[in-house]
PDB file of N, CA and C in Angstrom:
ATOM      1  N   MET A   1      75.398  90.825  95.699  1.00  0.00           N
ATOM      2  CA  MET A   1      76.640  90.205  95.614  1.00  0.00           C
ATOM      3  C   MET A   1      77.126  91.209  94.488  1.00  0.00           C
ATOM      4  N   PHE A   2      78.323  91.560  95.054  1.00  0.00           N
ATOM      5  CA  PHE A   2      79.524  91.941  93.626  1.00  0.00           C
ATOM      6  C   PHE A   2      80.780  91.532  93.338  1.00  0.00           C
ATOM      7  N   ALA A   3      80.969  91.648  92.066  1.00  0.00           N
ATOM      8  CA  ALA A   3      82.460  91.276  91.892  1.00  0.00           C
ATOM      9  C   ALA A   3      83.610  92.553  91.347  1.00  0.00           C
ATOM     10  N   THR A   4      84.615  92.557  91.843  1.00  0.00           N
ATOM     11  CA  THR A   4      85.526  93.539  91.296  1.00  0.00           C
ATOM     12  C   THR A   4      86.779  92.952  90.812  1.00  0.00           C
ATOM     13  N   THR A   5      87.767  93.438  90.451  1.00  0.00           N
ATOM     14  CA  THR A   5      89.249  93.020  90.080  1.00  0.00           C
ATOM     15  C   THR A   5      89.962  92.756  91.512  1.00  0.00           C
ATOM     16  N   HIS A   6      90.350  91.592  91.746  1.00  0.00           N
ATOM     17  CA  HIS A   6      90.732  91.131  93.017  1.00  0.00           C
ATOM     18  C   HIS A   6      91.590  92.406  93.668  1.00  0.00           C
ATOM     19  N   PRO A   7      91.696  92.910  94.026  1.00  0.00           N
ATOM     20  CA  PRO A   7      92.834  94.303  94.673  1.00  0.00           C
ATOM     21  C   PRO A   7      94.125  93.522  94.740  1.00  0.00           C
ATOM     22  N   LEU A   8      94.448  92.176  95.112  1.00  0.00           N
ATOM     23  CA  LEU A   8      95.963  92.489  94.917  1.00  0.00           C
ATOM     24  C   LEU A   8      96.641  92.187  93.541  1.00  0.00           C
ATOM     25  N   ARG A   9      95.596  92.442  92.334  1.00  0.00           N
ATOM     26  CA  ARG A   9      96.486  92.518  90.997  1.00  0.00           C
ATOM     27  C   ARG A   9      97.021  93.982  90.860  1.00  0.00           C
ATOM     28  N   TRP A  10      96.878  94.598  91.987  1.00  0.00           N
ATOM     29  CA  TRP A  10      97.074  95.680  91.832  1.00  0.00           C
ATOM     30  C   TRP A  10      98.589  96.263  91.885  1.00  0.00           C
ATOM     31  N   ALA A  11      99.302  95.383  92.414  1.00  0.00           N
ATOM     32  CA  ALA A  11     100.607  95.360  92.644  1.00  0.00           C
ATOM     33  C   ALA A  11     101.334  94.568  91.507  1.00  0.00           C
ATOM     34  N   PHE A  12     101.098  93.692  90.319  1.00  0.00           N
ATOM     35  CA  PHE A  12     101.780  93.157  89.787  1.00  0.00           C
ATOM     36  C   PHE A  12     101.474  94.047  88.448  1.00  0.00           C
ATOM     37  N   PRO A  13     102.522  94.017  87.524  1.00  0.00           N
ATOM     38  CA  PRO A  13     102.415  94.681  86.191  1.00  0.00           C
ATOM     39  C   PRO A  13     101.240  93.214  85.477  1.00  0.00           C
ATOM     40  N   ASP A  14     100.420  94.185  84.392  1.00  0.00           N
ATOM     41  CA  ASP A  14      99.788  93.582  83.281  1.00  0.00           C
ATOM     42  C   ASP A  14     100.496  92.819  81.955  1.00  0.00           C
ATOM     43  N   ASP A  15     101.099  91.399  82.630  1.00  0.00           N
ATOM     44  CA  ASP A  15     101.734  90.651  81.795  1.00  0.00           C
ATOM     45  C   ASP A  15     101.805  89.376  81.947  1.00  0.00           C
ATOM     46  N   PRO A  16     101.099  88.734  81.458  1.00  0.00           N
ATOM     47  CA  PRO A  16     100.876  87.165  81.458  1.00  0.00           C
ATOM     48  C   PRO A  16     101.810  86.194  81.611  1.00  0.00           C
ATOM     49  N   GLY A  17     103.040  86.978  81.396  1.00  0.00           N
ATOM     50  CA  GLY A  17     104.009  85.689  81.739  1.00  0.00           C
ATOM     51  C   GLY A  17     104.852  85.989  83.113  1.00  0.00           C
ATOM     52  N   PRO A  18     106.275  85.434  82.935  1.00  0.00           N
ATOM     53  CA  PRO A  18     106.805  85.561  84.160  1.00  0.00           C
ATOM     54  C   PRO A  18     107.314  86.904  84.983  1.00  0.00           C
ATOM     55  N   ALA A  19     107.627  88.105  83.869  1.00  0.00           N
ATOM     56  CA  ALA A  19     107.480  88.933  84.560  1.00  0.00           C
ATOM     57  C   ALA A  19     106.078  90.273  85.313  1.00  0.00           C
ATOM     58  N   GLY A  20     105.148  88.932  84.882  1.00  0.00           N
ATOM     59  CA  GLY A  20     103.664  89.703  85.453  1.00  0.00           C
ATOM     60  C   GLY A  20     104.230  88.982  86.894  1.00  0.00           C
ATOM     61  N   LEU A  21     104.519  88.421  87.811  1.00  0.00           N
ATOM     62  CA  LEU A  21     104.900  87.541  88.728  1.00  0.00           C
ATOM     63  C   LEU A  21     105.472  88.608  89.705  1.00  0.00           C
ATOM     64  N   THR A  22     105.889  89.711  89.601  1.00  0.00           N
ATOM     65  CA  THR A  22     107.200  90.201  90.605  1.00  0.00           C
ATOM     66  C   THR A  22     106.223  92.177  90.693  1.00  0.00           C
ATOM     67  N   VAL A  23     106.132  92.145  91.991  1.00  0.00           N
ATOM     68  CA  VAL A  23     105.693  93.052  92.810  1.00  0.00           C
ATOM     69  C   VAL A  23     106.319  94.368  92.152  1.00  0.00           C
ATOM     70  N   ARG A  24     105.217  95.331  91.433  1.00  0.00           N
ATOM     71  CA  ARG A  24     106.153  96.426  91.279  1.00  0.00           C
ATOM     72  C   ARG A  24     105.572  97.844  91.861  1.00  0.00           C
ATOM     73  N   THR A  25     104.078  97.717  92.394  1.00  0.00           N
ATOM     74  CA  THR A  25     103.370  98.503  93.241  1.00  0.00           C
ATOM     75  C   THR A  25     103.173  98.253  94.245  1.00  0.00           C
ATOM     76  N   SER A  26     102.475  99.005  95.243  1.00  0.00           N
ATOM     77  CA  SER A  26     102.290  98.986  96.524  1.00  0.00           C
ATOM     78  C   SER A  26     100.809  98.346  96.666  1.00  0.00           C
ATOM     79  N   TYR A  27     100.688  97.745  97.243  1.00  0.00           N
ATOM     80  CA  TYR A  27      98.977  97.172  97.568  1.00  0.00           C
ATOM     81  C   TYR A  27      98.531  98.352  97.896  1.00  0.00           C
ATOM     82  N   PHE A  28      98.703  98.833  98.520  1.00  0.00           N
ATOM     83  CA  PHE A  28      98.651 100.164  99.786  1.00  0.00           C
ATOM     84  C   PHE A  28      98.076 101.626  98.399  1.00  0.00           C
ATOM     85  N   ASP A  29      99.034 101.616  97.470  1.00  0.00           N
ATOM     86  CA  ASP A  29      98.805 102.615  96.725  1.00  0.00           C
ATOM     87  C   ASP A  29      97.386 102.901  96.320  1.00  0.00           C
ATOM     88  N   ARG A  30      96.754 103.820  96.388  1.00  0.00           N
ATOM     89  CA  ARG A  30      94.980 103.694  95.808  1.00  0.00           C
ATOM     90  C   ARG A  30      95.204 104.982  94.520  1.00  0.00           C
ATOM     91  N   SER A  31      96.022 105.103  94.104  1.00  0.00           N
ATOM     92  CA  SER A  31      96.031 105.446  92.815  1.00  0.00           C
ATOM     93  C   SER A  31      95.351 105.441  91.333  1.00  0.00           C
ATOM     94  N   PRO A  32      94.175 105.874  90.924  1.00  0.00           N
ATOM     95  CA  PRO A  32      93.395 105.362  89.820  1.00  0.00           C
ATOM     96  C   PRO A  32      94.501 105.034  88.882  1.00  0.00           C
ATOM     97  N   TYR A  33      93.808 104.177  88.456  1.00  0.00           N
ATOM     98  CA  TYR A  33      94.731 103.364  86.852  1.00  0.00           C
ATOM     99  C   TYR A  33      93.753 104.482  85.793  1.00  0.00           C
ATOM    100  N   VAL A  34      94.347 104.998  84.881  1.00  0.00           N
ATOM    101  CA  VAL A  34      93.792 106.227  83.827  1.00  0.00           C
ATOM    102  C   VAL A  34      94.550 105.959  82.902  1.00  0.00           C
ATOM    103  N   GLU A  35      93.289 105.500  81.729  1.00  0.00           N
ATOM    104  CA  GLU A  35      93.850 105.753  80.257  1.00  0.00           C
ATOM    105  C   GLU A  35      93.092 106.674  79.556  1.00  0.00           C
ATOM    106  N   VAL A  36      94.088 107.665  78.779  1.00  0.00           N
ATOM    107  CA  VAL A  36      93.354 108.816  78.409  1.00  0.00           C
ATOM    108  C   VAL A  36      93.662 108.445  76.630  1.00  0.00           C
ATOM    109  N   ASP A  37      92.797 109.498  76.106  1.00  0.00           N
ATOM    110  CA  ASP A  37      93.088 109.465  74.594  1.00  0.00           C
ATOM    111  C   ASP A  37      93.873 110.384  74.188  1.00  0.00           C
ATOM    112  N   GLU A  38      94.202 110.596  73.141  1.00  0.00           N
ATOM    113  CA  GLU A  38      94.894 111.249  72.172  1.00  0.00           C
ATOM    114  C   GLU A  38      95.095 113.304  72.550  1.00  0.00           C
ATOM    115  N   ALA A  39      94.057 113.679  73.038  1.00  0.00           N
ATOM    116  CA  ALA A  39      94.121 114.722  73.347  1.00  0.00           C
ATOM    117  C   ALA A  39      94.180 114.747  75.054  1.00  0.00           C
ATOM    118  N   GLY A  40      94.434 113.720  75.748  1.00  0.00           N
ATOM    119  CA  GLY A  40      94.627 113.862  76.666  1.00  0.00           C
ATOM    120  C   GLY A  40      93.957 113.729  78.064  1.00  0.00           C
ATOM    121  N   GLU A  41      92.585 113.260  77.311  1.00  0.00           N
ATOM    122  CA  GLU A  41      91.620 113.308  78.522  1.00  0.00           C
ATOM    123  C   GLU A  41      91.527 111.965  78.913  1.00  0.00           C
ATOM    124  N   PRO A  42      90.803 111.895  79.826  1.00  0.00           N
ATOM    125  CA  PRO A  42      90.558 110.435  80.209  1.00  0.00           C
ATOM    126  C   PRO A  42      89.409 109.978  79.958  1.00  0.00           C
ATOM    127  N   VAL A  43      89.526 108.198  79.532  1.00  0.00           N
ATOM    128  CA  VAL A  43      88.453 107.560  78.486  1.00  0.00           C
ATOM    129  C   VAL A  43      87.912 106.216  79.667  1.00  0.00           C
ATOM    130  N   TYR A  44      88.981 106.084  80.428  1.00  0.00           N
ATOM    131  CA  TYR A  44      88.972 105.001  81.068  1.00  0.00           C
ATOM    132  C   TYR A  44      89.643 105.571  82.654  1.00  0.00           C
ATOM    133  N   VAL A  45      89.009 105.011  83.867  1.00  0.00           N
ATOM    134  CA  VAL A  45      89.563 104.981  84.998  1.00  0.00           C
ATOM    135  C   VAL A  45      88.948 104.072  86.122  1.00  0.00           C
ATOM    136  N   GLU A  46      89.995 103.216  86.723  1.00  0.00           N
ATOM    137  CA  GLU A  46      89.588 102.830  87.669  1.00  0.00           C
ATOM    138  C   GLU A  46      90.466 102.624  89.033  1.00  0.00           C
ATOM    139  N   HIS A  47      89.670 102.642  89.666  1.00  0.00           N
ATOM    140  CA  HIS A  47      90.272 103.271  90.962  1.00  0.00           C
ATOM    141  C   HIS A  47      90.065 101.822  92.213  1.00  0.00           C
ATOM    142  N   HIS A  48      91.349 101.792  92.350  1.00  0.00           N
ATOM    143  CA  HIS A  48      91.856 100.667  93.394  1.00  0.00           C
ATOM    144  C   HIS A  48      91.445 101.072  94.823  1.00  0.00           C
ATOM    145  N   ARG A  49      90.794  99.592  95.844  1.00  0.00           N
ATOM    146  CA  ARG A  49      90.839  99.709  96.890  1.00  0.00           C
ATOM    147  C   ARG A  49      90.691  98.504  97.984  1.00  0.00           C
ATOM    148  N   THR A  50      91.540  97.983  98.518  1.00  0.00           N
ATOM    149  CA  THR A  50      92.089  97.122  99.371  1.00  0.00           C
ATOM    150  C   THR A  50      91.263  96.427  99.616  1.00  0.00           C
ATOM    151  N   LEU A  51      91.092  94.980 100.167  1.00  0.00           N
ATOM    152  CA  LEU A  51      89.918  94.106 100.405  1.00  0.00           C
ATOM    153  C   LEU A  51      89.599  94.871 102.242  1.00  0.00           C
ATOM    154  N   GLY A  52      90.183  95.290 102.604  1.00  0.00           N
ATOM    155  CA  GLY A  52      89.743  96.104 104.020  1.00  0.00           C
ATOM    156  C   GLY A  52      88.866  97.436 103.521  1.00  0.00           C
ATOM    157  N   ASP A  53      89.441  98.275 102.708  1.00  0.00           N
ATOM    158  CA  ASP A  53      88.566  98.872 101.940  1.00  0.00           C
ATOM    159  C   ASP A  53      87.114  99.082 101.702  1.00  0.00           C
ATOM    160  N   ARG A  54      87.042  97.843 100.740  1.00  0.00           N
ATOM    161  CA  ARG A  54      85.651  97.190 100.468  1.00  0.00           C
ATOM    162  C   ARG A  54      85.003  96.728 101.556  1.00  0.00           C
ATOM    163  N   VAL A  55      85.653  96.027 102.214  1.00  0.00           N
ATOM    164  CA  VAL A  55      84.564  95.625 104.114  1.00  0.00           C
ATOM    165  C   VAL A  55      83.928  97.071 104.420  1.00  0.00           C
ATOM    166  N   ARG A  56      84.876  97.545 104.612  1.00  0.00           N
ATOM    167  CA  ARG A  56      84.507  99.123 105.490  1.00  0.00           C
ATOM    168  C   ARG A  56      83.488  99.607 104.727  1.00  0.00           C
ATOM    169  N   GLU A  57      83.605 100.063 103.398  1.00  0.00           N
ATOM    170  CA  GLU A  57      82.573 100.584 102.431  1.00  0.00           C
ATOM    171  C   GLU A  57      80.923  99.635 102.902  1.00  0.00           C
ATOM    172  N   LEU A  58      81.008  98.254 102.613  1.00  0.00           N
ATOM    173  CA  LEU A  58      79.870  97.670 102.789  1.00  0.00           C
ATOM    174  C   LEU A  58      79.351  97.975 104.090  1.00  0.00           C
ATOM    175  N   VAL A  59      79.856  97.475 105.053  1.00  0.00           N
ATOM    176  CA  VAL A  59      79.878  98.056 106.409  1.00  0.00           C
ATOM    177  C   VAL A  59      79.248  99.408 106.424  1.00  0.00           C
ATOM    178  N   ASP A  60      79.834 100.367 106.358  1.00  0.00           N
ATOM    179  CA  ASP A  60      79.413 101.594 106.324  1.00  0.00           C
ATOM    180  C   ASP A  60      77.934 101.945 105.491  1.00  0.00           C
ATOM    181  N   ALA A  61      77.667 100.791 104.680  1.00  0.00           N
ATOM    182  CA  ALA A  61      76.104 101.109 103.868  1.00  0.00           C
ATOM    183  C   ALA A  61      75.706 100.259 104.107  1.00  0.00           C
ATOM    184  N   GLY A  62      75.538  99.886 105.471  1.00  0.00           N
ATOM    185  CA  GLY A  62      74.425  99.201 106.248  1.00  0.00           C
ATOM    186  C   GLY A  62      74.536  97.455 105.864  1.00  0.00           C
ATOM    187  N   PHE A  63      75.808  97.088 104.993  1.00  0.00           N
ATOM    188  CA  PHE A  63      75.711  95.214 104.852  1.00  0.00           C
ATOM    189  C   PHE A  63      76.493  94.688 105.861  1.00  0.00           C
ATOM    190  N   ARG A  64      76.422  93.816 106.268  1.00  0.00           N
ATOM    191  CA  ARG A  64      77.219  92.576 106.502  1.00  0.00           C
ATOM    192  C   ARG A  64      77.613  92.003 105.619  1.00  0.00           C
ATOM    193  N   LEU A  65      79.145  91.424 105.504  1.00  0.00           N
ATOM    194  CA  LEU A  65      80.168  90.360 104.954  1.00  0.00           C
ATOM    195  C   LEU A  65      79.256  89.371 104.956  1.00  0.00           C
ATOM    196  N   VAL A  66      78.786  88.227 104.049  1.00  0.00           N
ATOM    197  CA  VAL A  66      78.732  87.162 104.273  1.00  0.00           C
ATOM    198  C   VAL A  66      79.966  86.129 104.070  1.00  0.00           C
ATOM    199  N   ASP A  67      80.297  86.330 102.534  1.00  0.00           N
ATOM    200  CA  ASP A  67      81.033  85.865 102.368  1.00  0.00           C
ATOM    201  C   ASP A  67      82.272  86.453 101.276  1.00  0.00           C
ATOM    202  N   LEU A  68      83.512  86.025 101.190  1.00  0.00           N
ATOM    203  CA  LEU A  68      84.169  86.844 100.096  1.00  0.00           C
ATOM    204  C   LEU A  68      85.041  85.661  99.345  1.00  0.00           C
ATOM    205  N   VAL A  69      84.607  85.350  98.138  1.00  0.00           N
ATOM    206  CA  VAL A  69      84.698  84.133  97.325  1.00  0.00           C
ATOM    207  C   VAL A  69      85.893  84.799  96.275  1.00  0.00           C
ATOM    208  N   GLU A  70      87.184  83.968  96.242  1.00  0.00           N
ATOM    209  CA  GLU A  70      88.489  84.085  95.504  1.00  0.00           C
ATOM    210  C   GLU A  70      88.513  83.450  94.748  1.00  0.00           C
ATOM    211  N   PRO A  71      87.932  83.322  93.520  1.00  0.00           N
ATOM    212  CA  PRO A  71      88.214  81.946  92.820  1.00  0.00           C
ATOM    213  C   PRO A  71      89.256  81.613  92.008  1.00  0.00           C
ATOM    214  N   GLU A  72      89.703  80.269  92.136  1.00  0.00           N
ATOM    215  CA  GLU A  72      90.731  79.843  91.482  1.00  0.00           C
ATOM    216  C   GLU A  72      90.795  79.546  90.001  1.00  0.00           C
ATOM    217  N   TRP A  73      91.754  79.355  89.540  1.00  0.00           N
ATOM    218  CA  TRP A  73      92.092  79.201  87.613  1.00  0.00           C
ATOM    219  C   TRP A  73      91.895  78.188  88.008  1.00  0.00           C
ATOM    220  N   PRO A  74      90.590  77.703  86.910  1.00  0.00           N
ATOM    221  CA  PRO A  74      90.348  76.784  86.506  1.00  0.00           C
ATOM    222  C   PRO A  74      91.095  75.690  86.162  1.00  0.00           C
ATOM    223  N   ALA A  75      90.477  74.489  86.463  1.00  0.00           N
ATOM    224  CA  ALA A  75      92.086  73.172  86.482  1.00  0.00           C
ATOM    225  C   ALA A  75      91.524  72.887  84.631  1.00  0.00           C
ATOM    226  N   GLY A  76      92.423  72.972  83.897  1.00  0.00           N
ATOM    227  CA  GLY A  76      92.683  72.547  82.649  1.00  0.00           C
ATOM    228  C   GLY A  76      92.595  74.111  81.441  1.00  0.00           C
ATOM    229  N   HIS A  77      92.344  75.035  81.807  1.00  0.00           N
ATOM    230  CA  HIS A  77      91.770  76.190  81.161  1.00  0.00           C
ATOM    231  C   HIS A  77      93.437  77.040  80.664  1.00  0.00           C
ATOM    232  N   SER A  78      93.807  76.437  79.987  1.00  0.00           N
ATOM    233  CA  SER A  78      95.052  76.899  79.157  1.00  0.00           C
ATOM    234  C   SER A  78      95.250  78.348  78.712  1.00  0.00           C
ATOM    235  N   ARG A  79      93.750  79.096  78.346  1.00  0.00           N
ATOM    236  CA  ARG A  79      93.891  80.374  77.462  1.00  0.00           C
ATOM    237  C   ARG A  79      94.267  80.959  78.170  1.00  0.00           C
ATOM    238  N   GLU A  80      95.294  82.063  77.785  1.00  0.00           N
ATOM    239  CA  GLU A  80      95.592  83.575  78.516  1.00  0.00           C
ATOM    240  C   GLU A  80      94.540  84.560  78.163  1.00  0.00           C
ATOM    241  N   TRP A  81      94.180  85.335  79.092  1.00  0.00           N
ATOM    242  CA  TRP A  81      92.850  86.349  78.634  1.00  0.00           C
ATOM    243  C   TRP A  81      93.647  87.543  79.408  1.00  0.00           C
ATOM    244  N   GLY A  82      94.384  88.637  78.254  1.00  0.00           N
ATOM    245  CA  GLY A  82      94.756  90.062  78.594  1.00  0.00           C
ATOM    246  C   GLY A  82      95.966  89.536  80.055  1.00  0.00           C
ATOM    247  N   GLN A  83      95.546  90.101  81.242  1.00  0.00           N
ATOM    248  CA  GLN A  83      97.518  89.584  81.811  1.00  0.00           C
ATOM    249  C   GLN A  83      97.129  88.636  82.225  1.00  0.00           C
ATOM    250  N   TRP A  84      95.875  87.882  82.283  1.00  0.00           N
ATOM    251  CA  TRP A  84      95.739  86.650  82.988  1.00  0.00           C
ATOM    252  C   TRP A  84      96.264  84.992  82.262  1.00  0.00           C
ATOM    253  N   SER A  85      96.909  84.980  82.644  1.00  0.00           N
ATOM    254  CA  SER A  85      97.467  82.788  82.420  1.00  0.00           C
ATOM    255  C   SER A  85      97.464  81.950  83.109  1.00  0.00           C
ATOM    256  N   PRO A  86      97.330  80.812  82.613  1.00  0.00           N
ATOM    257  CA  PRO A  86      97.512  79.762  84.094  1.00  0.00           C
ATOM    258  C   PRO A  86      98.798  79.733  84.927  1.00  0.00           C
ATOM    259  N   LEU A  87      99.940  80.357  84.655  1.00  0.00           N
ATOM    260  CA  LEU A  87     101.014  80.494  84.924  1.00  0.00           C
ATOM    261  C   LEU A  87     100.577  81.587  86.276  1.00  0.00           C
ATOM    262  N   ARG A  88      99.597  82.640  85.866  1.00  0.00           N
ATOM    263  CA  ARG A  88      99.494  83.830  87.039  1.00  0.00           C
ATOM    264  C   ARG A  88      98.750  83.029  87.871  1.00  0.00           C
ATOM    265  N   GLY A  89      97.474  82.731  87.266  1.00  0.00           N
ATOM    266  CA  GLY A  89      96.472  82.457  88.135  1.00  0.00           C
ATOM    267  C   GLY A  89      96.577  81.121  88.883  1.00  0.00           C
ATOM    268  N   ALA A  90      97.296  80.140  88.689  1.00  0.00           N
ATOM    269  CA  ALA A  90      97.622  79.479  89.655  1.00  0.00           C
ATOM    270  C   ALA A  90      98.044  79.709  91.085  1.00  0.00           C
ATOM    271  N   LEU A  91      98.600  81.102  90.967  1.00  0.00           N
ATOM    272  CA  LEU A  91      99.208  81.726  92.130  1.00  0.00           C
ATOM    273  C   LEU A  91      98.685  82.707  93.009  1.00  0.00           C
ATOM    274  N   VAL A  92      97.648  83.600  92.211  1.00  0.00           N
ATOM    275  CA  VAL A  92      97.490  84.983  92.905  1.00  0.00           C
ATOM    276  C   VAL A  92      95.907  84.744  92.144  1.00  0.00           C
ATOM    277  N   PRO A  93      94.588  85.507  93.037  1.00  0.00           N
ATOM    278  CA  PRO A  93      92.771  85.455  92.359  1.00  0.00           C
ATOM    279  C   PRO A  93      93.202  86.878  91.207  1.00  0.00           C
ATOM    280  N   GLY A  94      92.555  86.348  90.620  1.00  0.00           N
ATOM    281  CA  GLY A  94      92.175  87.786  89.597  1.00  0.00           C
ATOM    282  C   GLY A  94      90.652  88.435  90.084  1.00  0.00           C
ATOM    283  N   THR A  95      90.015  87.924  90.600  1.00  0.00           N
ATOM    284  CA  THR A  95      88.605  88.133  90.672  1.00  0.00           C
ATOM    285  C   THR A  95      88.468  88.051  92.322  1.00  0.00           C
ATOM    286  N   ALA A  96      87.718  89.337  92.830  1.00  0.00           N
ATOM    287  CA  ALA A  96      87.055  89.004  94.242  1.00  0.00           C
ATOM    288  C   ALA A  96      85.294  89.100  93.997  1.00  0.00           C
ATOM    289  N   ILE A  97      84.815  88.156  94.834  1.00  0.00           N
ATOM    290  CA  ILE A  97      83.323  88.322  94.892  1.00  0.00           C
ATOM    291  C   ILE A  97      83.202  88.400  96.264  1.00  0.00           C
ATOM    292  N   TYR A  98      82.083  89.712  96.477  1.00  0.00           N
ATOM    293  CA  TYR A  98      81.818  90.100  97.960  1.00  0.00           C
ATOM    294  C   TYR A  98      80.298  89.490  98.057  1.00  0.00           C
ATOM    295  N   VAL A  99      79.714  88.745  98.855  1.00  0.00           N
ATOM    296  CA  VAL A  99      78.553  88.298  99.017  1.00  0.00           C
ATOM    297  C   VAL A  99      78.265  88.748 100.497  1.00  0.00           C
ATOM    298  N   ALA A 100      77.231  89.836 100.111  1.00  0.00           N
ATOM    299  CA  ALA A 100      76.602  90.462 101.340  1.00  0.00           C
ATOM    300  C   ALA A 100      75.327  90.420 101.493  1.00  0.00           C
ATOM    301  N   GLU A 101      74.693  91.584 102.851  1.00  0.00           N
ATOM    302  CA  GLU A 101      73.086  91.360 102.637  1.00  0.00           C
ATOM    303  C   GLU A 101      73.224  92.429 103.692  1.00  0.00           C
ATOM    304  N   LYS A 102      72.190  93.102 103.789  1.00  0.00           N
ATOM    305  CA  LYS A 102      71.671  94.542 104.234  1.00  0.00           C
ATOM    306  C   LYS A 102      71.489  93.786 105.728  1.00  0.00           C
ATOM    307  N   SER A 103      71.960  94.550 106.912  1.00  0.00           N
ATOM    308  CA  SER A 103      71.883  94.633 108.231  1.00  0.00           C
ATOM    309  C   SER A 103      70.288  95.049 108.806  1.00  0.00           C
TER     310      SER A 103
END
């Protein structure tokens, strides 16, 4: 079992408010997200993969997908966290949890 940022979130800007509910990037754009330091050197890189990409990676590695869990925003949870908020969390998942076993 492992968890990743839900691939759908890559299509939306990092904004917990109403502006964060508008698709700005193609879900199929697999360009990495890169943060650089003052010298222009990468200090953080995150690679986007679609749900289909992840499933194929698991199968190609000899695993069988048992479940794909997309947790809903918890009822009563009102705190914003980064780009996530009750507004956004009520509409799209922030996390994908892949449950797999070796074939």
